């Protein structure tokens, strides 16, 4: 669970930053401007990913048991 959440967050960061770089390059931005934009977005994106994982992982473990009791058919037993 933890490895999946972190891998998903990091994959999103890479894809988002790649998209942003390609978009800026296609719009004709200078290389230095693209570098500054990406560094700014990198900090914000990684901060968001860490916050999301820190909240989502414990929340999943807290809600997992209650959801399993409420929806027993989803566990594959019926």
Protein backbone atom coordinates (compact mmCIF):
# COMPACT_ATOMS: atom_id res chain seq x y z
CA UNK A 1 0.00 0.00 0.00
CA UNK A 2 2.68 2.50 0.99
CA UNK A 3 4.93 1.60 -1.94
CA UNK A 4 2.00 1.95 -4.33
CA UNK A 5 1.02 5.36 -2.99
CA UNK A 6 4.56 6.72 -3.16
CA UNK A 7 5.17 5.24 -6.61
CA UNK A 8 1.94 6.74 -7.89
CA UNK A 9 2.80 10.15 -6.47
CA UNK A 10 6.28 10.12 -7.96
CA UNK A 11 4.96 8.93 -11.33
CA UNK A 12 2.48 11.79 -11.35
CA UNK A 13 5.26 14.27 -10.53
CA UNK A 14 7.41 13.04 -13.42
CA UNK A 15 4.53 13.10 -15.89
CA UNK A 16 3.34 16.54 -14.78
CA UNK A 17 6.81 18.07 -14.97
CA UNK A 18 7.45 16.45 -18.37
CA UNK A 19 4.17 17.84 -19.67
CA UNK A 20 4.99 21.29 -18.30
CA UNK A 21 8.45 21.29 -19.86
CA UNK A 22 7.16 20.17 -23.24
CA UNK A 23 4.38 22.75 -23.17
CA UNK A 24 6.79 25.58 -22.34
CA UNK A 25 9.24 24.48 -25.03
CA UNK A 26 6.49 24.28 -27.65
CA UNK A 27 5.29 27.75 -26.65
CA UNK A 28 8.78 29.04 -27.40
CA UNK A 29 10.00 29.84 -23.91
CA UNK A 30 13.73 30.32 -23.43
CA UNK A 31 15.66 27.44 -21.87
CA UNK A 32 16.45 29.42 -18.73
CA UNK A 33 12.78 30.38 -18.31
CA UNK A 34 11.74 26.72 -18.67
CA UNK A 35 14.30 25.76 -16.04
CA UNK A 36 12.99 28.36 -13.57
CA UNK A 37 9.37 27.34 -14.19
CA UNK A 38 10.18 23.66 -13.68
CA UNK A 39 12.12 24.29 -10.47
CA UNK A 40 9.18 26.23 -9.07
CA UNK A 41 6.71 23.54 -10.09
CA UNK A 42 9.01 20.80 -8.75
CA UNK A 43 8.95 22.24 -5.25
CA UNK A 44 5.18 22.66 -5.21
CA UNK A 45 4.50 19.28 -6.81
CA UNK A 46 6.74 17.34 -4.43
CA UNK A 47 5.28 19.17 -1.44
CA UNK A 48 1.76 18.27 -2.57
CA UNK A 49 2.77 14.64 -3.15
CA UNK A 50 4.28 14.29 0.33
CA UNK A 51 1.25 15.90 1.99
CA UNK A 52 -1.15 13.71 0.01
CA UNK A 53 0.71 10.52 0.95
CA UNK A 54 1.04 11.51 4.61
CA UNK A 55 -2.74 12.03 4.77
CA UNK A 56 -3.98 9.30 2.40
CA UNK A 57 -2.04 6.32 3.75
CA UNK A 58 -3.19 6.58 7.40
CA UNK A 59 -6.70 7.48 6.22
CA UNK A 60 -6.82 4.30 4.14
CA UNK A 61 -5.81 2.15 7.10
CA UNK A 62 -8.32 3.93 9.34
CA UNK A 63 -11.23 3.44 6.93
CA UNK A 64 -10.34 0.00 5.55
CA UNK A 65 -11.93 -2.03 8.36
CA UNK A 66 -15.12 0.06 8.42
CA UNK A 67 -15.54 -0.19 4.66
CA UNK A 68 -14.97 -3.95 4.72
CA UNK A 69 -17.75 -4.32 7.32
CA UNK A 70 -20.13 -2.10 5.38
CA UNK A 71 -19.52 -3.75 2.01
CA UNK A 72 -18.66 -7.42 2.64
CA UNK A 73 -19.39 -8.47 -0.95
CA UNK A 74 -16.54 -6.31 -2.22
CA UNK A 75 -14.00 -8.45 -0.36
CA UNK A 76 -14.69 -11.33 -2.74
CA UNK A 77 -16.47 -13.55 -0.18
CA UNK A 78 -19.93 -13.40 -1.57
